[in-house]
Amino acid sequence: MHVSVIISTYNSPEYLEKVLWGYRVQSMSAFELIVADDGSTPDTLLLLQRFRKSTRMDVRHVWHEDQGFRKCVILNRAIVVSQGDYLILSDGDCIPRWDFVATHLKLAEPGCLLSGGCVRLPRELSQRIGVQDIVGRRVTNAGWLLTQGVIPNKDLLKLAGDTRLGRLLERLTPTQATLNGHNASLWKRDLLRVNGFDERMQYGGLDRELGERLVNAGVRVRQVRHRAVCVHLDHGRPYVHEESWRRNRAIRAQTRQLGVTWTDYGIQRPAAGGADQHTGLSPHRSADAASPRRRAA
């Protein structure tokens, strides 16, 4: 099985660097790493160049010009150029535990989507975490996080590293298994079968809508939130606004009520629509200065 990890990012090279180091120290190294970049300035490209040089780790950079929130568009492009038959989806603010990739692969099943979990860190600690904390596996150690000011909570049990405990907690959790963009994995063929992400959607449930179409198409969702784990770095979200939420909720409601399995606003577009076709795109390895992002505060 060939696996590709796709990480989304936008103008956050400081956090992205921490995340990349999380993948550098994975217990298995046989995976393709792709950064799906929604129009960052050249600072992100420069980071990737430095990271490649210092680690000898190949990272593919899929980029498009900044034209507002187009995360779904860049993720679809990354899906198309990915070489893996199994895909792990995460974000540029989520540091994976050292066994993250291996756990997703170990638990993978045909026709199944894995729904992983995260432990959310406070902003001050998120900013303070250094490379050595990641390389030394401290950042995903519950005991160390408690010494750094993290308030004791049940989510820290996700970092226990006990497989039997994890299975038990997943049977007991009331949390529904869904496609979470920060931590999920599935077969590429299943993603293509539903035409990827719906590019009409902006922030607010865009990953859940994809998961709902996958379920309508017969893909099972399995809860692995206490075994496949990452830590989520806190940050502001100036791109969140109610209009997007309303539009996204309407799309999701239609997906559920009509049992929709395919979006016409995904990887493949009707030719008459004049939209860009993603098939055959190559990864972008250099970026011009992007225009300022127009996102509502």
Protein backbone atom coordinates (compact mmCIF):
# COMPACT_ATOMS: atom_id res chain seq x y z
CA MET A 1 0.00 0.00 0.00
CA HIS A 2 1.36 3.44 -0.97
CA VAL A 3 0.19 6.24 1.33
CA SER A 4 0.10 10.01 0.82
CA VAL A 5 -0.30 12.53 3.64
CA ILE A 6 -1.97 15.79 2.58
CA ILE A 7 -1.60 18.82 4.87
CA SER A 8 -3.49 22.06 4.22
CA THR A 9 -1.93 25.43 5.07
CA TYR A 10 -2.26 29.17 4.59
CA ASN A 11 0.33 31.76 5.66
CA SER A 12 1.39 30.02 8.86
CA PRO A 13 5.00 28.89 8.30
CA GLU A 14 5.83 28.88 12.02
CA TYR A 15 3.16 26.29 12.79
CA LEU A 16 3.74 24.40 9.53
CA GLU A 17 7.39 23.91 10.42
CA LYS A 18 6.40 22.23 13.69
CA VAL A 19 3.97 19.99 11.86
CA LEU A 20 6.57 19.00 9.26
CA TRP A 21 8.95 17.94 12.03
CA GLY A 22 6.16 15.78 13.39
CA TYR A 23 6.20 13.88 10.11
CA ARG A 24 9.99 13.83 10.00
CA VAL A 25 10.09 11.73 13.19
CA GLN A 26 7.33 9.26 12.33
CA SER A 27 7.99 5.61 13.19
CA MET A 28 7.64 4.77 9.50
CA SER A 29 8.98 6.90 6.67
CA ALA A 30 7.46 5.23 3.59
CA PHE A 31 4.88 7.88 2.76
CA GLU A 32 4.48 10.83 0.42
CA LEU A 33 4.05 14.22 2.09
CA ILE A 34 2.10 16.95 0.26
CA VAL A 35 1.47 20.51 1.45
CA ALA A 36 -1.77 21.86 -0.04
CA ASP A 37 -1.16 25.62 0.10
CA ASP A 38 -4.16 27.93 -0.33
CA GLY A 39 -2.15 30.90 -1.65
CA SER A 40 0.51 31.62 0.99
CA THR A 41 3.20 34.24 0.42
CA PRO A 42 6.74 33.03 -0.44
CA ASP A 43 7.56 32.63 3.28
CA THR A 44 5.97 29.18 3.16
CA LEU A 45 7.93 28.20 0.06
CA LEU A 46 11.17 29.35 1.72
CA LEU A 47 10.34 27.26 4.78
CA LEU A 48 9.80 24.18 2.64
CA GLN A 49 13.10 24.73 0.85
CA ARG A 50 14.95 25.03 4.18
CA PHE A 51 13.18 21.97 5.56
CA ARG A 52 14.03 19.85 2.53
CA LYS A 53 17.66 20.92 2.73
CA SER A 54 18.07 20.27 6.45
CA THR A 55 16.18 16.94 6.61
CA ARG A 56 16.62 15.51 3.09
CA MET A 57 12.90 14.79 3.27
CA ASP A 58 10.94 15.35 0.09
CA VAL A 59 7.84 17.50 0.52
CA ARG A 60 5.62 18.28 -2.45
CA HIS A 61 4.18 21.79 -2.57
CA VAL A 62 0.83 22.23 -4.32
CA TRP A 63 0.01 25.95 -4.50
CA HIS A 64 -2.39 28.32 -6.18
CA GLU A 65 -2.78 32.10 -6.15
CA ASP A 66 -4.52 33.72 -3.22
CA GLN A 67 -8.09 34.49 -4.27
CA GLY A 68 -9.79 34.14 -0.92
CA PHE A 69 -10.68 31.00 1.03
CA ARG A 70 -10.27 28.17 -1.50
CA LYS A 71 -9.17 25.32 0.73
CA CYS A 72 -11.44 22.83 -1.04
CA VAL A 73 -9.93 23.74 -4.41
CA ILE A 74 -6.32 23.23 -3.31
CA LEU A 75 -7.17 20.03 -1.48
CA ASN A 76 -8.76 18.63 -4.62
CA ARG A 77 -5.65 19.51 -6.59
CA ALA A 78 -3.47 17.79 -4.02
CA ILE A 79 -5.68 14.70 -4.16
CA VAL A 80 -5.29 14.53 -7.93
CA VAL A 81 -1.48 14.75 -7.90
CA SER A 82 -1.06 12.40 -4.92
CA GLN A 83 0.58 9.10 -5.78
CA GLY A 84 -0.78 7.10 -2.87
CA ASP A 85 -3.74 4.75 -3.11
CA TYR A 86 -4.44 5.55 0.56
CA LEU A 87 -4.66 9.17 1.78
CA ILE A 88 -4.28 10.71 5.23
CA LEU A 89 -5.79 14.21 5.54
CA SER A 90 -4.62 16.70 8.16
CA ASP A 91 -3.88 20.40 8.65
CA GLY A 92 -0.85 22.62 9.01
CA ASP A 93 -1.68 23.29 12.65
CA CYS A 94 -1.78 19.63 13.77
CA ILE A 95 1.40 17.93 14.98
CA PRO A 96 1.06 14.15 14.56
CA ARG A 97 2.05 11.74 17.29
CA TRP A 98 5.14 9.72 16.35
CA ASP A 99 3.00 6.67 15.38
CA PHE A 100 0.34 8.66 13.48
CA VAL A 101 0.97 7.38 9.95
CA ALA A 102 1.68 3.80 11.06
CA THR A 103 -1.54 3.71 13.10
CA HIS A 104 -3.70 4.93 10.21
CA LEU A 105 -2.17 2.29 7.94
CA LYS A 106 -2.53 -0.49 10.51
CA LEU A 107 -6.22 0.27 10.98
CA ALA A 108 -7.09 0.86 7.30
CA GLU A 109 -9.87 -1.29 5.86
CA PRO A 110 -11.42 -1.51 2.38
CA GLY A 111 -14.43 0.77 1.96
CA CYS A 112 -13.78 2.46 5.30
CA LEU A 113 -13.01 6.01 6.46
CA LEU A 114 -11.01 6.42 9.68
CA SER A 115 -11.95 9.30 11.98
CA GLY A 116 -8.96 10.27 14.14
CA GLY A 117 -8.72 12.55 17.14
CA CYS A 118 -6.81 15.54 18.46
CA VAL A 119 -5.81 17.19 21.71
CA ARG A 120 -6.22 20.96 21.55
CA LEU A 121 -3.43 23.01 23.11
CA PRO A 122 -3.67 26.54 24.52
CA ARG A 123 -2.29 29.31 22.31
CA GLU A 124 0.65 30.30 24.51
CA LEU A 125 1.96 26.73 24.57
CA SER A 126 1.21 26.28 20.85
CA GLN A 127 3.51 29.20 20.09
CA ARG A 128 6.20 28.12 22.56
CA ILE A 129 6.63 24.52 21.40
CA GLY A 130 10.02 24.00 19.74
CA VAL A 131 11.51 21.45 17.36
CA GLN A 132 13.22 19.57 20.20
CA ASP A 133 9.88 19.13 21.97
CA ILE A 134 8.64 17.40 18.82
CA VAL A 135 11.74 15.33 18.09
CA GLY A 136 11.85 14.23 21.74
CA ARG A 137 8.15 13.23 21.60
CA ARG A 138 7.36 15.52 24.52
CA VAL A 139 4.66 17.41 22.62
CA THR A 140 2.46 14.29 22.46
CA ASN A 141 3.19 13.17 26.03
CA ALA A 142 0.28 13.88 28.37
CA GLY A 143 2.52 14.14 31.44
CA TRP A 144 4.75 16.74 29.82
CA LEU A 145 1.78 18.77 28.61
CA LEU A 146 0.45 18.91 32.16
CA THR A 147 3.78 20.37 33.33
CA GLN A 148 3.42 23.04 30.64
CA GLY A 149 0.13 24.34 31.97
CA VAL A 150 -2.40 22.23 30.08
CA ILE A 151 -5.49 21.84 32.29
CA PRO A 152 -6.23 18.17 33.07
CA ASN A 153 -9.04 16.89 30.85
CA LYS A 154 -10.34 13.65 29.38
CA ASP A 155 -8.89 14.42 25.93
CA LEU A 156 -5.41 13.78 27.31
CA LEU A 157 -6.37 10.09 27.52
CA LYS A 158 -5.97 10.05 23.74
CA LEU A 159 -2.22 10.35 24.30
CA ALA A 160 -2.02 7.37 26.64
CA GLY A 161 -0.61 5.19 23.87
CA ASP A 162 -2.44 2.12 25.17
CA THR A 163 -4.14 0.32 22.30
CA ARG A 164 -6.54 -1.65 24.48
CA LEU A 165 -7.52 1.47 26.43
CA GLY A 166 -7.97 3.31 23.14
CA ARG A 167 -10.32 0.65 21.78
CA LEU A 168 -12.34 0.72 24.99
CA LEU A 169 -12.63 4.51 25.00
CA GLU A 170 -13.71 4.50 21.35
CA ARG A 171 -16.52 2.09 22.18
CA LEU A 172 -17.64 4.29 25.08
CA THR A 173 -17.33 7.76 23.51
CA PRO A 174 -20.59 9.53 22.63
CA THR A 175 -18.75 11.47 19.90
CA GLN A 176 -19.91 10.51 16.42
CA ALA A 177 -17.27 9.34 13.98
CA THR A 178 -17.08 11.85 11.11
CA LEU A 179 -14.63 13.03 8.47
CA ASN A 180 -12.56 15.60 10.36
CA GLY A 181 -10.19 17.52 8.12
CA HIS A 182 -7.53 17.65 10.82
CA ASN A 183 -7.29 13.86 11.14
CA ALA A 184 -8.88 11.36 8.78
CA SER A 185 -7.80 8.71 6.29
CA LEU A 186 -9.44 6.83 3.44
CA TRP A 187 -8.84 5.25 0.06
CA LYS A 188 -8.21 7.61 -2.83
CA ARG A 189 -10.59 5.65 -5.03
CA ASP A 190 -13.42 6.39 -2.59
CA LEU A 191 -12.62 10.12 -2.67
CA LEU A 192 -12.64 10.12 -6.46
CA ARG A 193 -15.90 8.17 -6.49
CA VAL A 194 -17.69 11.13 -4.83
CA ASN A 195 -15.67 13.76 -6.74
CA GLY A 196 -13.67 15.09 -3.78
CA PHE A 197 -14.42 18.25 -1.83
CA ASP A 198 -17.30 20.54 -2.85
CA GLU A 199 -15.53 23.73 -3.94
CA ARG A 200 -18.53 25.94 -3.20
CA MET A 201 -17.87 25.47 0.49
CA GLN A 202 -15.77 27.77 2.63
CA TYR A 203 -14.93 27.46 6.32
CA GLY A 204 -17.45 25.55 8.39
CA GLY A 205 -18.22 21.86 7.82
CA LEU A 206 -16.56 21.44 4.43
CA ASP A 207 -14.95 18.19 5.59
CA ARG A 208 -18.15 16.91 7.19
CA GLU A 209 -20.07 17.39 3.93
CA LEU A 210 -17.53 15.25 2.10
CA GLY A 211 -17.87 12.60 4.78
CA GLU A 212 -21.65 12.64 4.44
CA ARG A 213 -21.42 12.04 0.69
CA LEU A 214 -18.99 9.18 1.33
CA VAL A 215 -21.43 7.59 3.78
CA ASN A 216 -24.24 8.01 1.23
CA ALA A 217 -22.00 6.16 -1.25
CA GLY A 218 -21.61 3.24 1.13
CA VAL A 219 -18.30 4.06 2.83
CA ARG A 220 -18.22 3.08 6.51
CA VAL A 221 -16.84 5.48 9.15
CA ARG A 222 -14.75 3.99 11.93
CA GLN A 223 -13.87 5.75 15.18
CA VAL A 224 -10.11 5.77 15.94
CA ARG A 225 -9.90 9.05 17.87
CA HIS A 226 -8.02 7.51 20.81
CA ARG A 227 -5.44 5.69 18.67
CA ALA A 228 -4.64 7.91 15.66
CA VAL A 229 -3.87 11.19 17.42
CA CYS A 230 -2.43 14.65 16.78
CA VAL A 231 -2.10 17.79 18.89
CA HIS A 232 -3.88 20.88 17.58
CA LEU A 233 -2.10 24.24 17.82
CA ASP A 234 -4.38 27.14 18.68
CA HIS A 235 -4.66 30.26 16.49
CA GLY A 236 -7.09 32.94 15.39
CA ARG A 237 -9.68 32.42 12.62
CA PRO A 238 -10.39 35.77 10.96
CA TYR A 239 -11.97 33.99 7.99
CA VAL A 240 -15.00 32.76 9.96
CA HIS A 241 -18.27 34.51 9.17
CA GLU A 242 -21.94 33.63 9.45
CA GLU A 243 -22.74 33.88 5.73
CA SER A 244 -20.39 31.00 4.94
CA TRP A 245 -21.85 28.92 7.74
CA ARG A 246 -25.39 29.44 6.40
CA ARG A 247 -24.39 28.51 2.86
CA ASN A 248 -22.47 25.46 4.03
CA ARG A 249 -25.33 24.29 6.25
CA ALA A 250 -27.71 24.50 3.29
CA ILE A 251 -25.39 22.38 1.13
CA ARG A 252 -24.98 19.82 3.90
CA ALA A 253 -28.74 19.66 4.49
CA GLN A 254 -29.29 18.86 0.81
CA THR A 255 -26.54 16.22 0.88
CA ARG A 256 -28.21 14.46 3.80
CA GLN A 257 -31.84 14.83 2.72
CA LEU A 258 -31.30 13.77 -0.90
CA GLY A 259 -28.63 11.16 -0.23
CA VAL A 260 -26.18 12.99 -2.50
CA THR A 261 -23.04 11.02 -3.40
CA TRP A 262 -21.53 13.24 -6.13
CA THR A 263 -20.85 16.96 -6.35
CA ASP A 264 -20.68 18.79 -9.66
CA TYR A 265 -18.40 21.31 -7.92
CA GLY A 266 -15.50 18.98 -7.20
CA ILE A 267 -12.48 17.50 -8.96
CA GLN A 268 -14.30 16.89 -12.22
CA ARG A 269 -16.47 19.69 -13.59
CA PRO A 270 -19.01 19.65 -16.42
CA ALA A 271 -17.19 20.94 -19.52
CA ALA A 272 -19.94 23.47 -20.24
CA GLY A 273 -19.29 25.19 -16.93
CA GLY A 274 -15.92 26.49 -18.10
CA ALA A 275 -14.32 25.65 -14.74
CA ASP A 276 -10.72 24.53 -14.43
CA GLN A 277 -10.20 20.81 -14.68
CA HIS A 278 -7.85 19.48 -11.99
CA THR A 279 -6.96 16.21 -13.66
CA GLY A 280 -3.31 16.05 -14.63
CA LEU A 281 -2.14 19.07 -12.62
CA SER A 282 1.47 19.04 -11.49
CA PRO A 283 2.59 20.16 -8.03
CA HIS A 284 3.63 23.81 -7.77
CA ARG A 285 7.14 24.13 -6.40
CA SER A 286 7.57 27.89 -6.52
CA ALA A 287 5.28 30.78 -5.69
CA ASP A 288 5.06 34.41 -6.69
CA ALA A 289 4.04 36.93 -4.07
CA ALA A 290 0.34 36.42 -3.41
CA SER A 291 -2.22 39.19 -3.34
CA PRO A 292 -3.72 40.10 0.05
CA ARG A 293 -6.38 37.66 1.15
CA ARG A 294 -9.93 38.91 1.08
CA ARG A 295 -11.57 37.15 4.00
CA ALA A 296 -14.28 38.60 6.13
CA ALA A 297 -13.36 39.21 9.74
